Protein backbone atom coordinates (compact mmCIF):
# COMPACT_ATOMS: atom_id res chain seq x y z
CA MET A 1 66.35 -60.37 -106.34
CA LYS A 2 63.68 -57.93 -107.79
CA LYS A 3 60.84 -59.59 -105.93
CA SER A 4 62.44 -59.55 -102.89
CA ILE A 5 62.78 -55.71 -103.53
CA VAL A 6 59.51 -55.23 -104.28
CA LYS A 7 57.99 -57.33 -101.44
CA TYR A 8 60.13 -55.37 -98.96
CA VAL A 9 58.74 -52.16 -100.20
CA PHE A 10 55.54 -53.35 -100.14
CA ILE A 11 55.56 -54.58 -96.59
CA SER A 12 57.22 -51.41 -95.72
CA GLY A 13 54.64 -49.24 -97.22
CA ILE A 14 51.60 -51.35 -95.42
CA ALA A 15 53.11 -51.00 -92.21
CA LEU A 16 53.41 -47.29 -92.70
CA PHE A 17 50.07 -46.88 -93.55
CA PHE A 18 48.85 -48.79 -90.50
CA ALA A 19 51.14 -46.66 -88.12
CA CYS A 20 49.67 -43.54 -89.53
CA LYS A 21 46.34 -44.84 -89.09
CA GLU A 22 46.73 -45.46 -85.34
CA GLU A 23 48.20 -42.34 -84.79
CA ASP A 24 45.20 -40.65 -86.15
CA ALA A 25 43.10 -42.53 -83.90
CA PHE A 26 44.66 -41.17 -80.96
CA GLU A 27 44.82 -38.02 -81.94
CA ASN A 28 43.36 -35.78 -79.40
CA GLN A 29 39.61 -34.55 -80.08
CA ALA A 30 38.05 -31.07 -79.23
CA PRO A 31 35.50 -30.88 -76.81
CA ASP A 32 31.93 -29.07 -77.49
CA THR A 33 29.82 -26.77 -75.82
CA PHE A 34 26.15 -26.05 -74.91
CA PHE A 35 24.34 -23.07 -72.94
CA VAL A 36 21.92 -24.81 -71.44
CA ILE A 37 18.97 -22.73 -73.51
CA ASP A 38 19.56 -22.23 -76.92
CA ASN A 39 18.15 -18.71 -77.65
CA ILE A 40 16.20 -16.14 -75.17
CA ASN A 41 13.25 -15.33 -77.19
CA VAL A 42 11.85 -12.22 -75.71
CA SER A 43 11.23 -8.86 -77.20
CA GLY A 44 10.29 -5.17 -76.54
CA LYS A 45 9.34 -4.72 -73.07
CA ASN A 46 9.49 -8.26 -72.29
CA ARG A 47 12.91 -8.76 -71.65
CA LEU A 48 15.35 -9.81 -68.60
CA ASN A 49 16.28 -7.91 -65.36
CA THR A 50 20.17 -7.07 -65.56
CA ILE A 51 20.75 -10.17 -63.30
CA VAL A 52 20.61 -13.30 -65.17
CA ASP A 53 21.32 -17.09 -64.59
CA LEU A 54 22.93 -18.67 -67.01
CA SER A 55 24.19 -22.68 -67.13
CA TRP A 56 26.34 -24.68 -69.39
CA PHE A 57 27.79 -27.87 -70.28
CA GLY A 58 30.62 -29.58 -72.33
CA THR A 59 31.25 -32.79 -74.05
CA ASP A 60 34.58 -34.78 -75.07
CA PRO A 61 34.49 -37.88 -77.19
CA ASP A 62 37.54 -39.06 -75.96
CA GLY A 63 38.61 -37.41 -72.65
CA PHE A 64 36.47 -35.18 -70.33
CA VAL A 65 35.99 -31.17 -69.89
CA LYS A 66 38.11 -29.86 -67.01
CA SER A 67 36.96 -26.20 -67.78
CA PHE A 68 35.38 -23.35 -69.23
CA GLU A 69 36.08 -19.64 -70.62
CA ILE A 70 33.37 -17.19 -70.78
CA SER A 71 33.71 -13.90 -72.83
CA ASN A 72 31.39 -10.99 -73.46
CA ASP A 73 33.13 -9.99 -76.92
CA GLY A 74 34.66 -13.57 -77.88
CA GLN A 75 38.16 -12.04 -77.61
CA ASN A 76 38.46 -11.67 -74.05
CA TRP A 77 37.93 -14.67 -71.99
CA LYS A 78 37.61 -15.67 -68.48
CA ARG A 79 38.27 -19.23 -66.86
CA THR A 80 35.73 -21.14 -64.47
CA SER A 81 35.58 -24.35 -63.23
CA GLU A 82 32.08 -23.67 -62.54
CA GLN A 83 28.37 -24.96 -64.69
CA ASP A 84 26.42 -22.06 -63.70
CA THR A 85 26.26 -18.71 -62.53
CA THR A 86 24.46 -15.45 -61.68
CA PHE A 87 25.46 -12.58 -63.96
CA ASN A 88 24.90 -8.90 -62.82
CA PHE A 89 25.16 -7.12 -66.09
CA SER A 90 24.83 -3.40 -66.79
CA ILE A 91 23.38 -0.80 -68.79
CA PRO A 92 24.98 1.96 -70.47
CA VAL A 93 24.02 5.22 -68.62
CA GLY A 94 21.12 6.80 -70.22
CA LEU A 95 20.00 3.52 -71.56
CA ASP A 96 16.88 1.27 -70.20
CA THR A 97 17.84 -1.65 -72.78
CA THR A 98 20.76 -3.45 -74.62
CA ASP A 99 21.43 -6.78 -76.03
CA ILE A 100 24.22 -8.64 -74.04
CA GLU A 101 26.49 -11.47 -75.94
CA VAL A 102 28.23 -14.29 -73.76
CA TYR A 103 30.27 -17.27 -75.49
CA ILE A 104 31.26 -20.17 -73.68
CA ARG A 105 33.57 -22.57 -74.54
CA ALA A 106 34.88 -26.35 -73.27
CA ILE A 107 38.38 -26.93 -72.32
CA ASP A 108 39.32 -30.51 -71.91
CA ASN A 109 42.00 -32.43 -69.98
CA MET A 110 44.64 -32.07 -72.98
CA GLY A 111 44.33 -28.13 -72.50
CA LEU A 112 42.22 -28.40 -75.75
CA ARG A 113 39.48 -25.70 -76.36
CA ASP A 114 36.47 -25.81 -78.38
CA PRO A 115 37.25 -23.91 -81.51
CA ILE A 116 33.63 -22.38 -82.26
CA PRO A 117 32.45 -21.49 -78.48
CA ASP A 118 28.31 -21.40 -78.12
CA TYR A 119 26.99 -18.42 -78.22
CA LEU A 120 24.04 -16.44 -76.61
CA ARG A 121 22.06 -12.76 -76.68
CA ILE A 122 20.33 -11.82 -73.63
CA PRO A 123 17.90 -9.16 -73.84
CA ILE A 124 18.15 -7.10 -70.96
CA LYS A 125 16.37 -3.95 -69.41
CA ASN A 126 16.79 -1.59 -66.16
CA THR A 127 14.34 -2.31 -63.61
CA ALA A 128 13.86 0.91 -61.75
CA PRO A 129 15.22 1.28 -57.86
CA GLU A 130 12.93 1.77 -55.13
CA ALA A 131 13.47 3.94 -51.49
CA THR A 132 11.27 3.77 -48.81
CA PHE A 133 10.94 4.85 -44.90
CA ASP A 134 11.66 2.13 -42.77
CA ASN A 135 7.81 1.42 -41.00
CA SER A 136 9.24 -0.07 -37.89
CA LEU A 137 11.04 3.18 -37.31
CA SER A 138 8.28 5.75 -38.49
CA LEU A 139 8.16 9.41 -37.59
CA PRO A 140 5.84 10.57 -34.20
CA ASP A 141 2.92 12.57 -34.82
CA THR A 142 5.23 15.30 -32.98
CA ALA A 143 8.98 15.47 -32.91
CA PHE A 144 10.58 17.18 -29.86
CA LEU A 145 13.40 19.13 -31.57
CA VAL A 146 14.77 15.92 -33.48
CA ALA A 147 13.44 13.61 -35.83
CA THR A 148 14.76 10.10 -35.99
CA THR A 149 13.66 7.54 -39.05
CA LYS A 150 14.83 4.99 -40.89
CA TRP A 151 15.08 4.16 -44.81
CA ASP A 152 15.96 1.30 -47.04
CA ALA A 153 16.61 0.98 -50.67
CA THR A 154 16.62 -1.82 -53.06
CA ASP A 155 16.88 -2.79 -57.03
CA ILE A 156 16.24 -5.85 -58.40
CA ASP A 157 19.00 -5.32 -60.67
CA GLY A 158 21.42 -5.87 -57.62
CA ASP A 159 21.58 -2.99 -54.69
CA GLU A 160 24.96 -2.19 -55.65
CA SER A 161 23.90 -0.78 -58.70
CA ILE A 162 22.33 2.05 -56.66
CA THR A 163 24.55 5.04 -56.85
CA ASN A 164 22.37 7.87 -55.05
CA VAL A 165 19.87 8.45 -52.22
CA LEU A 166 18.37 11.38 -51.93
CA ILE A 167 15.77 12.97 -49.13
CA SER A 168 14.53 16.38 -49.16
CA LEU A 169 12.17 18.48 -46.59
CA ASN A 170 8.75 19.62 -47.64
CA GLY A 171 10.12 18.93 -51.23
CA ILE A 172 12.84 21.58 -50.97
CA ASP A 173 16.03 20.63 -52.42
CA TRP A 174 17.72 17.27 -52.34
CA PHE A 175 20.03 16.33 -49.79
CA GLU A 176 22.39 13.32 -50.96
CA MET A 177 22.78 10.72 -48.35
CA ASN A 178 25.21 8.16 -47.16
CA LYS A 179 24.12 4.93 -48.71
CA ARG A 180 25.87 3.05 -45.62
CA GLU A 181 24.05 5.22 -42.88
CA LYS A 182 20.22 4.07 -42.81
CA GLU A 183 19.48 5.60 -39.59
CA PHE A 184 19.33 9.24 -39.62
CA SER A 185 18.06 12.06 -37.22
CA ILE A 186 17.02 15.80 -38.16
CA VAL A 187 17.78 18.78 -36.04
CA ALA A 188 17.08 22.06 -36.35
CA ALA A 189 19.97 24.06 -36.84
CA ASP A 190 18.37 26.99 -34.82
CA PRO A 191 16.08 25.42 -32.28
CA GLU A 192 14.63 28.45 -31.24
CA ALA A 193 13.50 29.29 -34.79
CA THR A 194 9.89 30.64 -34.78
CA ASP A 195 9.12 29.92 -38.83
CA THR A 196 12.20 27.77 -41.56
CA THR A 197 15.26 26.95 -40.91
CA GLU A 198 17.40 24.54 -41.81
CA GLY A 199 17.69 20.58 -40.74
CA LEU A 200 21.05 19.16 -39.65
CA VAL A 201 21.74 15.79 -40.37
CA TYR A 202 23.19 13.37 -38.20
CA TYR A 203 23.78 9.99 -38.83
CA GLY A 204 23.53 6.98 -36.25
CA THR A 205 24.59 7.80 -32.73
CA ASN A 206 27.22 10.52 -34.14
CA ASN A 207 27.49 13.49 -31.91
CA ARG A 208 28.10 15.58 -34.98
CA PRO A 209 25.77 16.67 -38.25
CA GLU A 210 27.30 16.08 -41.69
CA ALA A 211 28.73 19.32 -42.97
CA ALA A 212 25.82 19.94 -45.41
CA SER A 213 22.36 20.79 -44.23
CA LEU A 214 18.35 20.66 -45.10
CA LYS A 215 16.59 23.43 -46.42
CA GLY A 216 13.33 23.99 -45.31
CA LEU A 217 12.43 22.87 -41.85
CA VAL A 218 9.49 24.62 -40.24
CA MET A 219 9.43 25.26 -36.73
CA ASN A 220 6.43 24.48 -34.53
CA ASP A 221 4.65 23.22 -37.47
CA THR A 222 4.07 20.27 -39.93
CA ASN A 223 6.78 18.49 -42.03
CA ARG A 224 7.52 15.67 -44.41
CA ILE A 225 10.48 13.96 -45.70
CA PHE A 226 11.05 12.61 -49.29
CA ILE A 227 13.09 10.17 -50.29
CA LYS A 228 14.46 8.52 -53.74
CA SER A 229 16.96 6.72 -55.00
CA ILE A 230 19.19 6.54 -58.40
CA ASP A 231 20.73 3.38 -60.06
CA GLU A 232 23.61 3.51 -62.08
CA ALA A 233 21.66 3.52 -65.18
CA GLY A 234 20.13 7.22 -64.42
CA THR A 235 17.06 5.80 -63.38
CA GLU A 236 15.23 7.41 -60.80
CA SER A 237 13.31 5.56 -58.19
CA LYS A 238 9.35 6.34 -57.32
CA ILE A 239 9.39 9.19 -54.40
CA ASP A 240 8.62 7.92 -51.06
CA THR A 241 7.23 10.17 -48.72
CA SER A 242 7.36 10.45 -44.73
CA THR A 243 4.51 10.31 -42.49
CA THR A 244 4.09 13.98 -41.46
CA PHE A 245 5.35 15.13 -38.18
CA TYR A 246 4.99 18.48 -36.22
CA MET A 247 8.28 20.03 -35.23
CA LYS A 248 8.17 20.78 -31.85
CA GLY A 249 10.95 23.81 -30.75
CA LYS A 250 12.90 24.82 -28.06
CA VAL A 251 11.90 27.94 -25.87
CA LYS A 252 13.69 27.92 -22.80
CA ASP A 253 17.45 26.69 -21.89
CA LEU A 254 16.50 24.60 -19.02
CA LEU A 255 14.77 21.35 -20.38
CA VAL A 256 12.35 19.09 -17.39
CA VAL A 257 12.05 15.37 -18.48
CA GLY A 258 9.06 13.80 -16.69
CA GLY A 259 8.78 10.38 -16.27
CA ILE A 260 6.26 10.18 -13.37
CA GLY A 261 3.05 11.12 -14.56
CA THR A 262 1.82 11.32 -11.02
CA ALA A 263 4.45 14.25 -9.99
CA HIS A 264 4.15 17.03 -12.79
CA ARG A 265 2.05 19.39 -11.17
CA ARG A 266 4.17 19.06 -8.05
CA TYR A 267 7.10 19.78 -9.19
CA LYS A 268 5.61 22.55 -12.19
CA ASP A 269 4.05 24.03 -8.77
CA ARG A 270 7.38 24.46 -7.10
CA LEU A 271 9.19 25.47 -9.91
CA ARG A 272 6.95 28.52 -10.82
CA ASP A 273 7.00 29.55 -7.21
CA ALA A 274 11.05 29.49 -8.26
CA MET A 275 10.39 31.82 -11.19
CA ILE A 276 12.22 28.86 -12.99
CA GLU A 277 10.81 28.69 -16.70
CA TYR A 278 11.71 25.70 -18.98
CA ASP A 279 10.50 23.20 -21.89
CA PHE A 280 9.12 20.17 -20.47
CA LEU A 281 9.06 16.80 -22.22
CA ASP A 282 6.67 13.73 -20.98
CA LEU A 283 7.83 10.64 -20.97
CA THR A 284 4.92 9.05 -19.79
CA VAL A 285 1.52 10.29 -21.38
CA ASP A 286 -0.15 7.74 -23.52
CA ASN A 287 2.32 4.76 -21.83
CA GLY A 288 5.35 6.52 -23.03
CA ILE A 289 4.61 7.64 -26.60
CA ASN A 290 6.80 10.35 -26.37
CA GLN A 291 9.71 7.79 -25.31
CA PRO A 292 12.42 7.77 -28.36
CA ALA A 293 12.73 4.58 -30.29
CA ILE A 294 16.25 4.80 -30.18
CA TRP A 295 17.41 6.45 -27.21
CA ASN A 296 20.72 7.13 -27.84
CA ILE A 297 20.24 9.07 -30.88
CA THR A 298 16.93 10.75 -30.68
CA PHE A 299 17.43 11.72 -26.91
CA LYS A 300 20.86 12.54 -26.46
CA LEU A 301 20.01 14.92 -29.51
CA GLN A 302 17.29 16.40 -27.55
CA LEU A 303 19.63 16.91 -24.45
CA LEU A 304 22.04 18.70 -26.17
CA GLN A 305 20.02 21.19 -27.13
CA TYR A 306 20.09 22.47 -23.35
CA SER A 307 22.41 23.94 -20.72
CA LYS A 308 20.26 22.17 -17.93
CA LEU A 309 18.45 19.15 -17.19
CA PHE A 310 15.50 18.48 -14.61
CA PHE A 311 15.45 14.65 -14.88
CA TYR A 312 12.71 12.64 -12.32
CA SER A 313 11.97 9.25 -12.62
CA ASP A 314 10.83 6.05 -10.68
CA GLU A 315 11.24 2.07 -10.70
CA THR A 316 8.50 1.49 -13.23
CA PHE A 317 9.25 -0.45 -16.24
CA PHE A 318 8.39 0.51 -19.81
CA ILE A 319 9.28 -1.87 -23.03
CA ASN A 320 10.63 -0.44 -25.99
CA PRO A 321 8.30 -1.33 -29.08
CA TYR A 322 11.15 -0.52 -31.57
CA THR A 323 13.86 -3.06 -29.78
CA ASN A 324 11.55 -5.08 -27.24
CA VAL A 325 13.99 -4.46 -24.57
CA LYS A 326 12.08 -3.88 -21.03
CA GLN A 327 14.14 -1.35 -18.41
CA ILE A 328 13.20 1.83 -16.47
CA ILE A 329 13.82 5.16 -17.98
CA LEU A 330 16.76 5.64 -16.17
CA GLU A 331 18.45 2.53 -17.65
CA PHE A 332 16.89 3.70 -21.27
CA ALA A 333 18.52 7.31 -20.64
CA ALA A 334 21.85 6.80 -19.20
CA SER A 335 24.08 6.79 -22.17
CA SER A 336 22.74 9.93 -23.45
CA LEU A 337 23.18 11.82 -19.71
CA GLN A 338 26.50 10.36 -20.13
CA GLU A 339 27.04 11.97 -23.52
CA TYR A 340 25.64 15.09 -22.20
CA ALA A 341 27.86 15.35 -18.94
CA ASN A 342 30.28 15.07 -21.12
CA THR A 343 29.57 17.85 -23.35
CA GLY A 344 29.15 20.00 -20.15
CA GLY A 345 25.73 19.60 -19.38
CA LYS A 346 24.60 20.41 -15.93
CA TYR A 347 21.56 18.07 -14.46
CA LEU A 348 19.78 17.48 -11.19
CA ILE A 349 18.19 14.05 -10.97
CA THR A 350 15.70 12.57 -8.38
CA THR A 351 14.68 9.35 -8.94
CA TYR A 352 13.67 6.24 -6.85
CA PHE A 353 14.43 2.31 -7.78
CA ASP A 354 13.51 -0.56 -6.31
CA HIS A 355 16.57 -1.99 -3.64
CA ASP A 356 17.10 -5.05 -5.82
CA GLN A 357 17.69 -3.32 -9.35
CA SER A 358 20.74 -3.55 -10.96
CA ILE A 359 22.64 -0.38 -11.15
CA GLU A 360 25.64 -1.15 -13.34
CA GLY A 361 23.77 0.37 -16.25
CA PHE A 362 23.57 3.98 -14.62
CA ARG A 363 26.24 3.84 -12.16
CA GLY A 364 28.47 5.59 -13.76
CA VAL A 365 25.72 8.44 -14.98
CA LEU A 366 25.01 9.10 -11.28
CA PRO A 367 27.29 10.38 -8.52
CA ILE A 368 27.19 7.09 -6.25
CA GLN A 369 29.48 4.27 -6.29
CA SER A 370 27.28 1.38 -4.79
CA LEU A 371 24.19 0.31 -2.84
CA SER A 372 23.89 0.28 1.18
CA SER A 373 25.77 -2.48 2.63
CA LYS A 374 21.82 -3.28 4.30
CA ASN A 375 19.05 -3.74 2.49
CA TYR A 376 17.97 0.05 1.60
CA ALA A 377 14.31 -1.37 1.69
CA ASP A 378 14.08 -1.26 5.02
CA ALA A 379 15.70 2.31 5.13
CA SER A 380 12.84 4.81 5.83
CA LEU A 381 12.25 8.57 6.35
CA LEU A 382 9.46 9.36 9.36
CA ARG A 383 6.76 12.02 9.20
CA ASP A 384 8.44 15.13 9.80
CA SER A 385 12.34 13.99 8.99
CA LEU A 386 14.87 16.07 7.96
CA ALA A 387 17.32 16.14 5.21
CA ILE A 388 20.17 18.24 5.66
CA ALA A 389 22.71 19.89 3.31
CA ARG A 390 26.19 19.46 3.85
CA ASP A 391 26.73 23.14 2.26
CA PRO A 392 24.67 25.44 4.49
CA THR A 393 24.36 27.45 1.16
CA PHE A 394 21.56 24.71 0.21
CA PRO A 395 18.40 24.65 2.46
CA SER A 396 17.37 21.85 4.84
CA LEU A 397 14.25 19.98 3.57
CA ARG A 398 11.52 18.31 5.19
CA THR A 399 9.31 15.28 4.58
CA GLN A 400 5.09 15.97 4.47
CA LYS A 401 3.39 15.84 7.36
CA PRO A 402 0.82 13.59 6.36
CA LEU A 403 3.56 11.15 5.17
CA ALA A 404 4.70 8.41 7.53
CA ILE A 405 7.04 6.46 5.49
CA THR A 406 8.45 7.51 2.06
CA LYS A 407 11.04 5.28 -0.34
CA LEU A 408 14.25 5.94 -0.93
CA GLY A 409 17.73 4.49 -1.85
CA VAL A 410 20.60 4.65 0.14
CA PHE A 411 23.77 4.28 -1.34
CA ASN A 412 27.74 4.73 -0.99
CA ILE A 413 30.16 7.31 -1.99
CA ASP A 414 33.61 5.99 -2.39
CA THR A 415 34.67 7.76 -5.36
CA ASN A 416 37.27 10.57 -5.57
CA ASP A 417 35.15 13.33 -7.76
CA THR A 418 31.63 12.97 -5.73
CA ASP A 419 30.86 15.01 -2.57
CA ILE A 420 28.14 14.23 -0.56
CA PHE A 421 25.33 16.42 -1.25
CA TYR A 422 22.89 15.51 1.60
CA THR A 423 22.10 13.23 4.47
CA ALA A 424 18.92 12.33 6.23
CA GLN A 425 17.32 10.97 9.43
CA LEU A 426 16.91 7.87 8.49
CA SER A 427 14.78 5.10 10.37
CA ASP A 428 15.28 1.33 10.04
CA LYS A 429 12.70 -0.99 9.93
CA ARG A 430 9.94 -1.08 12.60
CA VAL A 431 10.29 -3.23 15.27
CA GLY A 432 7.07 -3.54 17.49
CA SER A 433 5.91 0.14 17.32
CA VAL A 434 9.74 1.38 17.59
CA PHE A 435 11.72 2.57 14.45
CA PRO A 436 15.20 2.59 15.13
CA GLU A 437 17.92 4.30 14.12
CA TRP A 438 19.32 3.46 10.59
CA PRO A 439 22.57 1.50 10.90
CA ASP A 440 24.18 1.77 7.50
CA THR A 441 24.95 4.88 4.93
CA LYS A 442 22.48 8.07 5.84
CA ILE A 443 23.71 9.29 2.18
CA MET A 444 20.60 10.57 0.19
CA ALA A 445 21.80 13.27 -2.23
CA SER A 446 25.27 13.44 -3.40
CA ALA A 447 26.78 15.59 -6.28
CA ARG A 448 29.41 16.08 -8.65
CA PRO A 449 31.82 19.19 -8.35
CA LYS A 450 33.33 21.02 -11.78
CA LYS A 451 35.93 24.16 -11.48
CA LEU A 452 34.73 26.94 -12.92
CA ASN A 453 36.24 30.12 -12.98
CA ALA A 454 38.48 29.09 -9.74
CA SER A 455 35.19 28.37 -7.55
CA MET A 456 34.03 24.83 -7.24
CA LYS A 457 30.30 24.58 -8.33
CA TYR A 458 28.50 21.15 -8.72
CA ASN A 459 27.33 20.29 -12.33
CA GLN A 460 25.85 16.70 -11.49
CA ILE A 461 23.35 16.57 -8.69
CA PHE A 462 21.57 13.06 -7.42
CA PHE A 463 18.65 12.71 -5.31
CA SER A 464 17.44 8.73 -4.43
CA MET A 465 14.17 9.68 -4.39
CA GLN A 466 11.47 11.92 -5.04
CA LEU A 467 12.18 15.24 -4.25
CA TRP A 468 8.61 16.34 -4.25
CA GLU A 469 8.13 14.15 -1.16
CA LEU A 470 10.63 16.60 0.56
CA ASN A 471 7.63 19.29 0.60
CA GLY A 472 6.82 19.30 4.33
CA ASP A 473 8.46 23.16 4.20
CA LYS A 474 7.31 24.29 0.80
CA GLN A 475 9.90 27.49 0.64
CA ALA A 476 12.31 25.35 1.20
CA LEU A 477 11.55 23.04 -2.10
CA ILE A 478 11.81 26.31 -3.74
CA ASP A 479 15.04 27.46 -2.45
CA LEU A 480 16.31 24.72 -3.47
CA PHE A 481 15.20 24.65 -6.71
CA ASP A 482 16.39 28.37 -7.17
CA GLU A 483 19.83 27.78 -5.87
CA ILE A 484 20.43 25.14 -8.33
CA PHE A 485 18.80 26.27 -11.58
CA ASN A 486 19.53 29.99 -10.98
CA LYS A 487 22.68 30.15 -9.47
CA GLU A 488 24.71 26.41 -8.98
CA PHE A 489 23.73 25.72 -12.32
CA GLN A 490 24.78 29.38 -13.85
């Protein structure tokens, strides 16, 4: 009986021993974690910048690694399923170097974490940011009332680490820029100043300047713009300098914009005879060097400095070197002219464009609705033809006697806000030696009125040909300019 009991106890003990062994054999074991590099052996100035790429991996003897956790202090952890990432570390303000601690630990498929995370010390240094002017939108040698340019700022430590971008005119004070606005224009607070004035800052295509202004803009003299950036560690970039530019100021309240080089002298003579003084912007000199790179910034702001405008151009195409767009000057100028009209600006436009030219880009700017239903390339004004004003206040005009046929556009008006201004003795395409009468619309000038002080005056006038060609009666053309600029546009 005793043996039997002993045997039973012995057998039970063996069973318990093997049961414990089996349980130990299936107990989950923790994973292990490793950075791909053991350490970063740099010191002194030979440190990493604040953007660091790190990789890691984990092993698990009895399962698989499901995810990882990362920490900078060994206490607060962030979970990730990635095995590499780019860290953008920050350096405390006022320091240019620091050491960053990084911990990594694996988590296995049973949720067990590596009890001894891998550790890496990363010595980093702050890299100074950069700020430069964009050469693709550099300032011209002469800026007429408006200087438009563009800047860029970068930082090896990440562009988001840039906290400030500042500009200065001629080294006088620093003006903080909106970091999201790269294109900006500087306009004189007093465009008629003869010495130094403040510079108003316009971002992009805005019609309103910023509340703060730049100090030290020198009118009718040379200027330079300085730029620098500052990062979150307080480190400043090197100062970049724009090209030197001459800021030409305003003298008179009428702006004449010339888009035909051969017409400058003809218009200058008639305006002088009418005792009309003006500022002149030549858009044809040196193949268009005075044409703005961004019309709806620079040209718009130039126009807004004046209450009256005389604009003449033709069908010549120009290529904008900044945008590589090819258009006639009227197309480039259309949006700026519309803004000018919306703010109460008064203008006389005289231009010719080919009969197959699309007018959609500027139809709303001109007081017309559509082209002639007949091919107006066949319409002509012969020698001594008359252009007659609907309003007898304005003189009848006559073509030059030596001129046989002149180019002109013929258009229809079917809008409620537009009046017929001038009609002409138009002829159709020649048949043998005879020029039949033009069978379609004979409108060659139109106008939009604006109600001022209970009287109707025109604030937008358009001639669809070159006005200088209506110079057969010089005094009549002089009287027209006098009537428009000295009376109608008052």
